[in-house]
N, C-alpha and C. Protein backbone atom coordinates (compact mmCIF):
# COMPACT_ATOMS: atom_id res chain seq x y z
N MET A 1 137.05 130.73 31.57
CA MET A 1 137.31 131.14 33.10
C MET A 1 136.00 131.33 34.02
N ARG A 2 135.05 131.79 32.90
CA ARG A 2 133.62 131.91 33.75
C ARG A 2 132.91 130.38 34.01
N PHE A 3 133.46 129.67 33.03
CA PHE A 3 132.91 128.22 33.16
C PHE A 3 133.61 127.38 34.47
N LEU A 4 134.82 127.74 34.42
CA LEU A 4 135.51 127.10 35.67
C LEU A 4 134.94 127.73 37.03
N ARG A 5 134.84 128.95 36.97
CA ARG A 5 134.37 129.58 38.21
C ARG A 5 133.09 129.21 38.74
N ARG A 6 132.26 128.84 37.51
CA ARG A 6 130.63 128.41 38.02
C ARG A 6 130.90 126.93 38.40
N LYS A 7 131.83 126.42 37.66
CA LYS A 7 131.90 124.78 38.25
C LYS A 7 132.37 124.48 39.79
N ASP A 8 133.41 125.79 40.01
CA ASP A 8 134.04 125.31 41.32
C ASP A 8 132.86 126.03 42.55
N ALA A 9 131.95 126.95 42.02
CA ALA A 9 130.97 127.11 43.05
C ALA A 9 129.87 126.19 43.07
N GLU A 10 129.29 125.49 42.01
CA GLU A 10 128.59 124.61 42.07
C GLU A 10 129.08 123.21 43.14
N SER A 11 130.55 123.05 42.79
CA SER A 11 131.03 121.85 43.54
C SER A 11 131.03 122.27 44.94
N ALA A 12 131.48 123.54 45.36
CA ALA A 12 131.21 123.98 46.81
C ALA A 12 129.95 124.02 47.64
N ASP A 13 128.77 124.38 46.70
CA ASP A 13 127.39 124.35 47.11
C ASP A 13 127.25 122.80 47.28
N ALA A 14 127.58 122.09 46.42
CA ALA A 14 127.42 120.58 46.72
C ALA A 14 128.04 119.90 47.85
N GLU A 15 129.34 120.25 48.32
CA GLU A 15 129.76 119.90 49.30
C GLU A 15 129.25 120.48 50.62
N THR A 16 128.72 121.64 50.60
CA THR A 16 128.08 122.18 51.88
C THR A 16 126.83 121.61 51.95
N ASP A 17 125.97 121.26 50.94
CA ASP A 17 124.92 120.44 51.15
C ASP A 17 124.98 119.04 51.71
N ALA A 18 126.00 118.54 51.12
CA ALA A 18 126.38 117.18 51.81
C ALA A 18 126.85 117.20 53.26
N GLY A 19 127.49 118.17 53.58
CA GLY A 19 127.79 118.30 54.91
C GLY A 19 126.56 118.62 55.75
N GLU A 20 125.56 119.47 55.60
CA GLU A 20 124.49 119.52 56.07
C GLU A 20 123.86 118.12 56.34
N ASP A 21 123.55 117.57 55.06
CA ASP A 21 122.87 116.31 55.25
C ASP A 21 123.34 115.32 56.28
N ALA A 22 124.60 115.31 56.25
CA ALA A 22 125.33 114.36 57.06
C ALA A 22 125.00 114.87 58.48
N ALA A 23 125.20 116.07 58.40
CA ALA A 23 125.15 116.36 60.31
C ALA A 23 123.62 116.21 60.56
N GLY A 24 122.65 116.47 59.70
CA GLY A 24 121.29 116.07 59.89
C GLY A 24 120.98 114.68 60.27
N GLU A 25 121.64 113.81 59.22
CA GLU A 25 121.60 112.52 59.72
C GLU A 25 122.38 112.05 60.88
N ASP A 26 123.41 112.47 61.46
CA ASP A 26 124.01 112.22 62.64
C ASP A 26 122.96 112.49 63.81
N ALA A 27 122.54 113.99 63.76
CA ALA A 27 121.69 114.15 64.78
C ALA A 27 120.20 113.32 64.78
N ARG A 28 119.43 112.91 63.53
CA ARG A 28 118.60 111.96 63.77
C ARG A 28 118.96 110.63 64.34
N SER A 29 120.15 110.29 64.00
CA SER A 29 120.69 108.91 64.53
C SER A 29 120.80 109.01 66.02
N LYS A 30 121.29 109.99 66.46
CA LYS A 30 121.12 110.23 68.06
C LYS A 30 119.91 110.38 68.72
N ALA A 31 119.15 110.92 68.07
CA ALA A 31 117.86 111.37 68.92
C ALA A 31 116.87 109.93 68.56
N HIS A 32 117.21 109.24 67.68
CA HIS A 32 116.39 107.99 67.55
C HIS A 32 116.76 106.74 68.40
N THR A 33 115.69 106.37 69.03
CA THR A 33 116.04 105.31 69.85
C THR A 33 115.78 103.67 69.19
N PRO A 34 116.67 103.16 69.21
CA PRO A 34 116.74 101.94 68.44
C PRO A 34 115.29 100.90 68.87
N GLY A 35 114.87 100.32 67.79
CA GLY A 35 113.87 99.36 68.27
C GLY A 35 113.97 98.24 69.31
N LYS A 36 112.98 97.83 69.63
CA LYS A 36 113.44 96.46 70.65
C LYS A 36 113.52 95.05 69.87
N GLY A 37 113.30 95.31 68.65
CA GLY A 37 113.53 93.78 67.61
C GLY A 37 112.41 93.20 68.14
N ARG A 38 111.22 93.50 68.78
CA ARG A 38 109.99 92.65 68.88
C ARG A 38 108.74 93.52 69.18
N PRO A 39 107.68 93.31 68.81
CA PRO A 39 106.47 94.23 68.82
C PRO A 39 105.91 94.17 70.39
N THR A 40 105.58 95.35 70.85
CA THR A 40 104.82 95.80 72.02
C THR A 40 104.13 95.11 72.51
N PRO A 41 104.20 94.03 73.48
CA PRO A 41 103.06 93.07 73.84
C PRO A 41 101.91 93.91 74.28
N LYS A 42 100.51 93.05 74.39
CA LYS A 42 99.27 93.72 74.64
C LYS A 42 98.95 93.63 75.84
N ARG A 43 98.52 94.66 76.68
CA ARG A 43 98.08 94.41 77.98
C ARG A 43 97.58 93.39 78.38
N ARG A 44 96.44 92.68 77.52
CA ARG A 44 95.97 91.43 78.12
C ARG A 44 97.19 90.48 78.25
N ASP A 45 97.96 90.36 77.40
CA ASP A 45 98.80 89.15 77.42
C ASP A 45 99.96 89.54 78.59
N ALA A 46 100.41 90.70 78.64
CA ALA A 46 101.23 91.06 79.78
C ALA A 46 100.64 90.85 81.20
N GLU A 47 99.54 91.36 81.38
CA GLU A 47 98.67 90.69 82.67
C GLU A 47 98.62 89.31 82.91
N GLN A 48 98.34 88.66 81.81
CA GLN A 48 98.36 87.17 81.91
C GLN A 48 99.56 86.49 82.38
N LYS A 49 100.71 87.31 81.79
CA LYS A 49 102.11 86.52 82.30
C LYS A 49 102.54 86.82 83.61
N LYS A 50 101.62 88.18 84.35
CA LYS A 50 101.89 88.48 85.88
C LYS A 50 101.22 87.45 86.52
N ARG A 51 99.82 87.16 86.08
CA ARG A 51 99.14 86.58 86.97
C ARG A 51 99.31 84.93 86.77
N GLY A 52 99.75 84.60 85.73
CA GLY A 52 100.02 83.23 85.37
C GLY A 52 99.14 82.49 84.73
N PRO A 53 98.95 81.50 84.30
CA PRO A 53 98.28 80.83 83.14
C PRO A 53 96.92 80.86 83.82
N VAL A 54 95.82 81.05 83.00
CA VAL A 54 94.30 81.18 83.70
C VAL A 54 94.11 79.36 83.26
N ALA A 55 93.19 78.97 84.20
CA ALA A 55 92.43 77.53 84.00
C ALA A 55 91.49 77.59 82.98
N PRO A 56 91.63 76.43 82.03
CA PRO A 56 90.57 76.42 81.07
C PRO A 56 89.28 76.27 81.62
N PRO A 57 88.09 76.87 81.26
CA PRO A 57 86.77 76.87 81.40
C PRO A 57 86.40 75.36 81.97
N PRO A 58 85.48 74.96 82.91
CA PRO A 58 84.96 73.59 82.96
C PRO A 58 84.30 73.16 81.87
N ARG A 59 84.33 72.04 81.78
CA ARG A 59 83.68 71.18 80.34
C ARG A 59 82.35 70.81 80.86
N THR A 60 82.16 70.07 82.05
CA THR A 60 80.92 69.61 82.61
C THR A 60 80.21 70.45 83.71
N THR A 61 79.16 70.27 83.92
CA THR A 61 78.42 70.86 85.18
C THR A 61 78.98 69.98 86.60
N ARG A 62 79.57 68.88 86.53
CA ARG A 62 80.10 68.36 87.64
C ARG A 62 81.49 68.77 88.06
N GLU A 63 82.22 69.17 86.67
CA GLU A 63 83.59 70.15 87.06
C GLU A 63 83.46 71.14 87.49
N ALA A 64 82.44 71.92 87.02
CA ALA A 64 81.98 73.34 87.78
C ALA A 64 81.82 73.32 88.98
N MET A 65 80.96 72.48 89.66
CA MET A 65 80.65 72.10 90.79
C MET A 65 81.79 71.91 91.75
N ARG A 66 82.55 71.09 91.33
CA ARG A 66 83.84 70.55 92.00
C ARG A 66 84.67 71.61 92.29
N ARG A 67 84.98 72.61 91.11
CA ARG A 67 85.71 73.85 91.40
C ARG A 67 85.13 74.87 92.31
N ALA A 68 83.56 74.81 92.39
CA ALA A 68 83.08 75.72 93.12
C ALA A 68 83.37 75.28 94.64
N ARG A 69 83.20 74.25 94.84
CA ARG A 69 83.55 73.65 96.36
C ARG A 69 84.90 73.82 96.68
N GLY A 70 85.71 73.63 95.89
CA GLY A 70 87.20 73.92 96.45
C GLY A 70 87.48 75.34 96.42
N ASN A 71 86.80 76.23 95.83
CA ASN A 71 87.05 77.58 96.05
C ASN A 71 86.31 78.06 97.34
N LYS A 72 85.12 77.44 97.64
CA LYS A 72 84.47 77.57 98.94
C LYS A 72 85.27 77.14 99.96
N GLY A 73 85.83 76.11 99.87
CA GLY A 73 86.89 75.60 100.79
C GLY A 73 88.02 76.42 101.12
N ASP A 74 88.55 76.96 100.25
CA ASP A 74 89.75 78.01 100.32
C ASP A 74 88.97 79.36 100.95
N ARG A 75 87.91 79.65 100.68
CA ARG A 75 87.13 81.19 101.39
C ARG A 75 86.89 80.84 103.22
N LYS A 76 86.51 79.35 103.12
CA LYS A 76 86.28 79.36 104.75
C LYS A 76 87.56 79.26 105.20
N GLU A 77 88.64 78.38 104.63
CA GLU A 77 89.83 78.62 105.55
C GLU A 77 90.46 79.99 105.57
N LEU A 78 90.25 80.79 104.63
CA LEU A 78 91.04 82.40 104.99
C LEU A 78 90.13 82.87 105.78
N SER A 79 88.60 82.67 105.75
CA SER A 79 87.83 83.22 106.88
C SER A 79 88.27 82.77 108.15
N ALA A 80 88.55 81.55 108.43
CA ALA A 80 88.74 81.12 109.73
C ALA A 80 90.13 81.71 110.16
N LYS A 81 90.98 81.77 109.36
CA LYS A 81 92.32 82.63 109.69
C LYS A 81 92.22 83.99 110.34
N ARG A 82 91.28 84.63 109.57
CA ARG A 82 90.91 85.94 110.07
C ARG A 82 90.36 86.40 111.13
N ARG A 83 89.25 84.98 111.82
CA ARG A 83 88.45 85.21 112.68
C ARG A 83 89.39 84.84 113.63
N GLU A 84 90.55 83.96 113.65
CA GLU A 84 91.71 83.55 114.38
C GLU A 84 92.30 84.79 115.11
N ILE A 85 92.83 85.70 114.05
CA ILE A 85 93.73 86.61 114.21
C ILE A 85 92.95 87.83 114.91
N ARG A 86 91.73 88.05 114.38
CA ARG A 86 90.55 89.03 115.47
C ARG A 86 90.58 88.47 116.70
N THR A 87 90.48 87.15 116.68
CA THR A 87 90.37 86.47 118.13
C THR A 87 91.51 86.98 119.12
N LYS A 88 92.55 86.72 118.47
CA LYS A 88 94.08 86.96 119.21
C LYS A 88 94.27 88.51 119.47
N GLN A 89 93.87 89.54 118.37
CA GLN A 89 93.96 90.79 118.89
C GLN A 89 92.80 91.12 119.94
N ARG A 90 91.86 90.75 119.89
CA ARG A 90 90.76 91.14 120.84
C ARG A 90 91.34 90.58 122.10
N GLU A 91 91.92 89.35 122.35
CA GLU A 91 92.32 88.81 123.65
C GLU A 91 93.75 89.91 124.27
N ARG A 92 94.55 90.16 123.28
CA ARG A 92 95.71 91.27 123.68
C ARG A 92 95.12 92.47 123.96
N MET A 93 94.08 92.82 123.15
CA MET A 93 93.53 94.06 123.80
C MET A 93 92.77 94.07 125.10
N MET A 94 91.99 93.10 125.31
CA MET A 94 91.49 93.00 126.67
C MET A 94 92.53 92.76 127.71
N ALA A 95 93.68 92.17 127.59
CA ALA A 95 94.70 91.98 128.56
C ALA A 95 95.60 93.43 128.81
N GLY A 96 95.14 94.43 127.84
CA GLY A 96 95.86 95.89 127.80
C GLY A 96 97.28 95.77 127.40
N ASP A 97 97.60 95.28 126.45
CA ASP A 97 98.61 95.03 125.46
C ASP A 97 98.70 96.45 124.72
N GLU A 98 99.71 97.33 125.04
CA GLU A 98 99.49 98.61 124.46
C GLU A 98 99.67 98.50 122.78
N LYS A 99 100.39 97.48 122.32
CA LYS A 99 100.17 97.48 120.81
C LYS A 99 98.93 97.20 120.09
N TYR A 100 97.83 96.65 120.91
CA TYR A 100 96.67 96.42 120.33
C TYR A 100 95.58 97.44 120.96
N LEU A 101 96.00 98.20 121.81
CA LEU A 101 94.83 99.11 122.35
C LEU A 101 94.57 100.08 121.44
N MET A 102 93.49 101.08 121.63
CA MET A 102 93.14 101.95 120.79
C MET A 102 93.96 103.38 121.08
N PRO A 103 94.12 104.37 120.55
CA PRO A 103 95.00 105.49 120.82
C PRO A 103 94.49 106.00 122.12
N ARG A 104 93.33 106.09 122.21
CA ARG A 104 92.79 106.88 123.50
C ARG A 104 93.31 106.15 124.94
N ASP A 105 93.49 104.79 124.79
CA ASP A 105 93.94 104.06 126.07
C ASP A 105 95.10 103.84 126.09
N ARG A 106 96.04 104.36 125.43
CA ARG A 106 97.63 103.99 125.36
C ARG A 106 98.45 104.80 126.47
N GLY A 107 99.29 104.38 126.93
CA GLY A 107 100.07 105.00 127.80
C GLY A 107 100.37 104.83 129.16
N PRO A 108 101.08 105.09 130.12
CA PRO A 108 101.04 104.79 131.48
C PRO A 108 99.99 105.83 132.21
N VAL A 109 99.71 106.95 131.86
CA VAL A 109 98.72 107.84 132.25
C VAL A 109 97.33 107.18 132.35
N LYS A 110 96.98 106.77 131.23
CA LYS A 110 95.84 106.27 130.94
C LYS A 110 95.52 104.84 131.69
N ALA A 111 96.81 104.02 131.68
CA ALA A 111 96.63 102.83 132.61
C ALA A 111 96.39 103.38 134.05
N TYR A 112 97.18 104.27 134.45
CA TYR A 112 96.79 104.55 135.88
C TYR A 112 95.47 105.14 136.22
N ILE A 113 94.96 105.98 135.38
CA ILE A 113 93.53 106.43 135.44
C ILE A 113 92.70 105.13 135.69
N ARG A 114 92.65 104.33 134.59
CA ARG A 114 91.99 103.07 134.64
C ARG A 114 91.90 102.29 136.13
N ASP A 115 93.18 102.00 136.44
CA ASP A 115 93.35 101.47 137.70
C ASP A 115 92.93 102.32 139.01
N LEU A 116 92.75 103.31 138.94
CA LEU A 116 92.18 104.37 139.98
C LEU A 116 90.75 104.13 140.08
N VAL A 117 90.15 104.16 138.73
CA VAL A 117 88.58 103.88 138.71
C VAL A 117 88.24 102.77 138.98
N ASP A 118 89.14 101.43 138.57
CA ASP A 118 88.63 100.21 138.69
C ASP A 118 88.82 99.62 140.27
N SER A 119 89.77 100.53 141.07
CA SER A 119 89.87 100.18 142.37
C SER A 119 88.88 100.52 143.37
N ARG A 120 87.63 101.17 142.92
CA ARG A 120 86.50 101.75 143.78
C ARG A 120 85.21 101.40 142.89
N ARG A 121 84.22 101.23 143.87
CA ARG A 121 82.92 101.03 143.65
C ARG A 121 82.24 102.41 143.48
N ASN A 122 81.27 102.86 142.42
CA ASN A 122 80.86 104.13 142.50
C ASN A 122 79.34 104.01 141.95
N LEU A 123 78.69 105.00 142.01
CA LEU A 123 77.36 105.01 141.58
C LEU A 123 77.30 104.93 139.90
N LEU A 124 78.28 105.54 139.37
CA LEU A 124 78.39 105.57 138.03
C LEU A 124 78.17 104.17 137.26
N GLY A 125 78.54 103.13 138.16
CA GLY A 125 78.71 101.74 137.38
C GLY A 125 77.22 101.44 137.35
N LEU A 126 76.15 102.00 137.96
CA LEU A 126 74.73 101.83 137.81
C LEU A 126 74.13 102.60 136.38
N PHE A 127 74.92 103.15 135.85
CA PHE A 127 74.10 104.14 134.69
C PHE A 127 73.35 103.35 133.85
N MET A 128 74.04 102.35 133.29
CA MET A 128 73.48 101.62 132.24
C MET A 128 72.32 100.89 133.00
N PRO A 129 72.25 100.14 133.79
CA PRO A 129 70.97 99.49 134.58
C PRO A 129 69.94 100.71 134.73
N LEU A 130 70.45 101.71 135.08
CA LEU A 130 69.47 102.88 135.32
C LEU A 130 68.81 103.01 134.05
N ALA A 131 69.67 103.36 132.97
CA ALA A 131 68.81 103.87 131.71
C ALA A 131 67.92 102.68 131.52
N ILE A 132 68.40 101.19 131.65
CA ILE A 132 67.14 100.25 130.95
C ILE A 132 66.08 100.36 132.15
N LEU A 133 66.36 100.83 133.35
CA LEU A 133 65.01 100.98 134.19
C LEU A 133 64.23 101.78 133.76
N ILE A 134 64.69 102.95 133.24
CA ILE A 134 63.78 104.17 132.80
C ILE A 134 62.99 103.67 131.59
N PHE A 135 63.61 103.08 130.74
CA PHE A 135 63.12 102.57 129.63
C PHE A 135 61.82 101.58 129.82
N VAL A 136 62.03 100.69 130.86
CA VAL A 136 60.81 99.71 131.24
C VAL A 136 59.83 100.54 131.87
N ALA A 137 60.00 101.80 132.68
CA ALA A 137 59.09 102.48 133.59
C ALA A 137 58.29 103.13 132.59
N LEU A 138 59.12 103.49 131.37
CA LEU A 138 58.08 104.19 130.40
C LEU A 138 57.04 103.30 129.84
N LEU A 139 57.24 102.14 129.86
CA LEU A 139 56.24 101.09 129.08
C LEU A 139 55.00 100.64 130.24
N VAL A 140 55.26 101.10 131.29
CA VAL A 140 54.16 100.61 132.34
C VAL A 140 52.80 101.65 132.35
N PRO A 141 51.65 101.33 132.11
CA PRO A 141 50.83 102.20 131.84
C PRO A 141 50.29 102.92 132.98
N ASP A 142 50.68 102.79 134.54
CA ASP A 142 50.16 103.50 135.34
C ASP A 142 50.88 104.65 135.60
N PRO A 143 50.45 105.67 135.48
CA PRO A 143 51.15 107.02 135.71
C PRO A 143 51.73 107.06 136.94
N ARG A 144 51.31 106.84 138.15
CA ARG A 144 51.98 106.88 139.47
C ARG A 144 53.47 106.21 139.38
N VAL A 145 53.56 105.03 138.64
CA VAL A 145 54.58 104.28 138.83
C VAL A 145 55.92 105.02 137.63
N GLN A 146 55.23 105.75 136.84
CA GLN A 146 56.06 106.41 135.58
C GLN A 146 56.54 107.63 136.58
N SER A 147 55.87 108.08 137.52
CA SER A 147 56.40 109.52 138.00
C SER A 147 57.16 109.21 138.98
N LEU A 148 57.05 108.18 139.59
CA LEU A 148 57.78 107.67 140.88
C LEU A 148 59.26 107.22 140.36
N THR A 149 59.03 106.40 139.31
CA THR A 149 60.26 106.00 138.79
C THR A 149 61.23 107.05 138.12
N THR A 150 60.49 108.09 137.33
CA THR A 150 61.09 109.22 136.74
C THR A 150 61.95 110.05 138.07
N LEU A 151 61.31 110.06 139.12
CA LEU A 151 61.74 110.87 140.14
C LEU A 151 62.97 110.26 140.70
N LEU A 152 63.06 108.89 140.78
CA LEU A 152 64.19 107.98 141.74
C LEU A 152 65.24 108.21 140.47
N CYS A 153 64.97 107.95 139.17
CA CYS A 153 66.28 108.10 138.24
C CYS A 153 66.82 109.40 138.22
N LEU A 154 65.95 110.54 138.08
CA LEU A 154 66.32 112.00 138.31
C LEU A 154 67.47 112.07 139.59
N LEU A 155 67.08 111.58 140.56
CA LEU A 155 67.76 111.69 141.47
C LEU A 155 69.16 110.91 141.74
N MET A 156 68.93 110.00 140.99
CA MET A 156 70.30 109.05 140.78
C MET A 156 71.17 109.79 139.76
N LEU A 157 70.54 110.24 138.80
CA LEU A 157 71.56 110.99 137.85
C LEU A 157 72.33 112.14 138.44
N VAL A 158 71.49 113.02 139.18
CA VAL A 158 72.17 114.03 139.82
C VAL A 158 73.34 113.41 140.81
N ALA A 159 72.94 112.40 141.43
CA ALA A 159 74.07 111.79 142.47
C ALA A 159 75.26 111.27 141.60
N MET A 160 75.08 110.77 140.49
CA MET A 160 76.06 110.20 139.59
C MET A 160 76.80 111.41 139.11
N ILE A 161 76.45 112.41 138.56
CA ILE A 161 76.97 113.73 138.09
C ILE A 161 77.91 114.24 139.20
N PHE A 162 77.15 114.29 140.37
CA PHE A 162 77.99 114.82 141.47
C PHE A 162 79.13 114.12 141.65
N GLU A 163 78.83 112.87 142.20
CA GLU A 163 80.06 111.85 142.43
C GLU A 163 81.28 112.00 141.08
N GLY A 164 80.54 111.84 139.71
CA GLY A 164 81.81 112.06 138.72
C GLY A 164 82.71 113.24 138.84
N LEU A 165 82.16 114.42 139.09
CA LEU A 165 82.72 115.83 139.20
C LEU A 165 83.80 115.63 140.36
N LEU A 166 83.60 115.13 141.44
CA LEU A 166 84.28 114.69 142.89
C LEU A 166 85.58 113.72 142.25
N SER A 167 84.98 112.66 141.71
CA SER A 167 86.14 111.70 141.30
C SER A 167 87.10 112.22 140.27
N GLY A 168 86.50 113.01 139.34
CA GLY A 168 87.48 113.55 138.38
C GLY A 168 88.68 114.42 138.95
N ARG A 169 87.97 115.24 139.63
CA ARG A 169 89.00 116.22 140.77
C ARG A 169 89.83 115.34 141.22
N ARG A 170 89.55 114.33 141.94
CA ARG A 170 90.48 113.54 142.82
C ARG A 170 91.37 112.79 141.72
N ILE A 171 91.14 112.30 140.68
CA ILE A 171 91.87 111.50 139.89
C ILE A 171 92.93 112.51 139.23
N THR A 172 92.46 113.61 138.71
CA THR A 172 93.29 114.58 138.17
C THR A 172 94.60 114.95 139.00
N ARG A 173 93.97 115.30 140.37
CA ARG A 173 95.17 115.63 141.37
C ARG A 173 96.16 114.46 141.61
N MET A 174 95.84 113.09 141.72
CA MET A 174 96.54 112.01 141.83
C MET A 174 97.30 111.86 140.62
N VAL A 175 96.78 111.96 139.48
CA VAL A 175 97.78 111.85 138.26
C VAL A 175 98.87 112.93 138.06
N ARG A 176 98.46 113.97 138.34
CA ARG A 176 99.39 115.04 138.35
C ARG A 176 100.57 114.90 139.41
N GLU A 177 100.13 114.40 140.75
CA GLU A 177 101.30 114.09 141.54
C GLU A 177 102.35 112.69 141.15
N ARG A 178 101.51 111.80 140.75
CA ARG A 178 102.33 110.88 140.05
C ARG A 178 103.03 111.14 138.75
N PHE A 179 102.70 111.92 138.02
CA PHE A 179 103.31 112.20 136.53
C PHE A 179 103.59 113.74 136.61
N PRO A 180 104.28 114.14 137.25
CA PRO A 180 104.66 115.51 137.44
C PRO A 180 105.07 116.27 135.92
N LYS A 181 105.77 115.53 135.22
CA LYS A 181 106.38 115.94 133.80
C LYS A 181 105.37 115.80 132.96
N GLU A 182 104.34 114.93 132.85
CA GLU A 182 103.37 114.96 131.89
C GLU A 182 102.46 116.09 131.70
N PRO A 183 101.95 116.56 130.39
CA PRO A 183 101.10 117.41 130.27
C PRO A 183 99.59 116.93 130.66
N VAL A 184 99.28 117.35 131.58
CA VAL A 184 97.89 116.74 132.34
C VAL A 184 96.83 117.86 132.22
N ARG A 185 95.64 117.51 131.26
CA ARG A 185 94.52 118.41 131.01
C ARG A 185 93.06 117.85 131.91
N GLY A 186 92.95 118.60 132.76
CA GLY A 186 91.80 117.97 133.80
C GLY A 186 90.57 117.78 133.59
N LEU A 187 90.21 118.34 132.14
CA LEU A 187 89.02 118.03 131.59
C LEU A 187 89.05 116.76 130.84
N SER A 188 90.12 116.56 130.21
CA SER A 188 90.46 115.34 129.60
C SER A 188 90.46 114.19 130.41
N ILE A 189 91.24 114.07 131.53
CA ILE A 189 91.31 113.17 132.28
C ILE A 189 89.92 113.03 133.03
N GLY A 190 89.30 113.98 133.52
CA GLY A 190 87.99 113.67 134.38
C GLY A 190 86.93 113.13 133.31
N TRP A 191 86.99 113.44 131.96
CA TRP A 191 85.97 112.75 131.30
C TRP A 191 86.34 111.25 130.84
N TYR A 192 87.75 110.93 130.69
CA TYR A 192 88.10 109.66 130.58
C TYR A 192 87.66 108.58 131.85
N ALA A 193 87.92 109.36 132.80
CA ALA A 193 87.53 108.66 134.07
C ALA A 193 85.89 108.57 134.25
N PHE A 194 85.33 109.45 133.84
CA PHE A 194 83.98 109.43 133.83
C PHE A 194 83.09 108.30 132.75
N ILE A 195 83.84 108.17 131.74
CA ILE A 195 83.32 107.17 130.47
C ILE A 195 83.62 106.08 131.33
N ARG A 196 84.99 105.75 131.82
CA ARG A 196 85.30 104.24 132.44
C ARG A 196 84.56 103.86 133.58
N ALA A 197 83.89 104.84 134.56
CA ALA A 197 83.39 104.36 135.53
C ALA A 197 81.82 104.19 135.41
N SER A 198 81.36 104.81 134.04
CA SER A 198 80.00 104.70 133.72
C SER A 198 79.60 103.28 133.15
N GLN A 199 80.84 102.44 132.90
CA GLN A 199 80.67 101.26 132.16
C GLN A 199 80.53 100.10 133.12
N ILE A 200 79.67 98.98 132.82
CA ILE A 200 79.73 97.96 133.78
C ILE A 200 81.12 97.26 133.70
N ARG A 201 81.29 96.72 135.13
CA ARG A 201 83.01 96.60 135.12
C ARG A 201 83.19 95.17 134.25
N LYS A 202 82.24 94.18 133.97
CA LYS A 202 82.61 93.33 133.28
C LYS A 202 82.96 93.77 131.85
N LEU A 203 82.26 94.79 131.49
CA LEU A 203 82.29 95.19 129.75
C LEU A 203 83.35 96.03 129.70
N ARG A 204 84.19 96.56 130.42
CA ARG A 204 85.07 97.51 130.29
C ARG A 204 86.47 97.07 129.48
N VAL A 205 86.92 97.63 128.52
CA VAL A 205 87.98 97.41 127.67
C VAL A 205 89.23 98.52 127.91
N PRO A 206 90.21 98.18 128.37
CA PRO A 206 90.75 96.64 128.59
C PRO A 206 89.96 96.29 129.78
N LYS A 207 90.44 94.90 130.21
CA LYS A 207 89.71 94.32 131.59
C LYS A 207 90.33 95.26 132.67
N PRO A 208 89.77 95.24 133.80
CA PRO A 208 90.62 95.94 135.01
C PRO A 208 91.67 94.82 135.57
N ARG A 209 92.74 95.61 135.83
CA ARG A 209 93.82 94.96 136.36
C ARG A 209 93.76 94.74 137.87
N VAL A 210 92.97 95.48 138.63
CA VAL A 210 92.82 95.39 140.01
C VAL A 210 91.43 95.34 140.44
N ARG A 211 91.34 94.92 141.67
CA ARG A 211 89.90 94.12 142.05
C ARG A 211 89.52 95.60 142.83
N ALA A 212 88.17 95.58 143.22
CA ALA A 212 87.59 96.67 143.97
C ALA A 212 88.08 96.72 145.39
N GLY A 213 88.61 97.86 145.82
CA GLY A 213 89.11 97.93 147.23
C GLY A 213 90.48 98.08 147.39
N ASP A 214 91.25 97.49 145.97
CA ASP A 214 92.76 97.51 146.04
C ASP A 214 93.26 98.82 146.30
N LYS A 215 94.54 98.89 146.66
CA LYS A 215 95.20 100.21 146.76
C LYS A 215 95.97 100.22 145.58
N VAL A 216 95.89 101.52 144.99
CA VAL A 216 96.61 101.69 143.60
C VAL A 216 98.14 102.66 144.09
């Protein structure tokens, strides 16, 4: 009897161990990812497939020079296309196309300010020539010429600043009347008008849409 009981206990333990082994095998089979059936390609091979086949190296100096001339031609063609694109963008920007203007120049308010500035002749347009005159006067060895030129330039600068203040107030008032719903800041509008007026008319970007003396 004891022998039978021991044998039954051993068989029960064996069945329990077999069940645990089977459960472990099932868990491992579920957690295990099946293989792809092929080795993982190297990074160099994968990049080569993406880029395409690489041309073999030149066998002679003449062949290398011919390839270099071909690549140079491609670079020239690409550079020509880029110059053409930049030229078109420059032309559209000078024409006042909103798509190609800088953010500071976009919007109907800024366009109206430019028209107001371009429709008048002012002393601020002489700012750059005056700066050149000051530089040339400093190179003259005669102190009397330097003193006279400096005094004249100082008076011109004072007149320009005074004119810029009056013009900024006038333009701010007109912009607020034209665009009552737009958030208008007097200092920002005055400075934008001052910068525009201080530039030479032919160098203004975008180009003036109105002539001096036209009514806006």
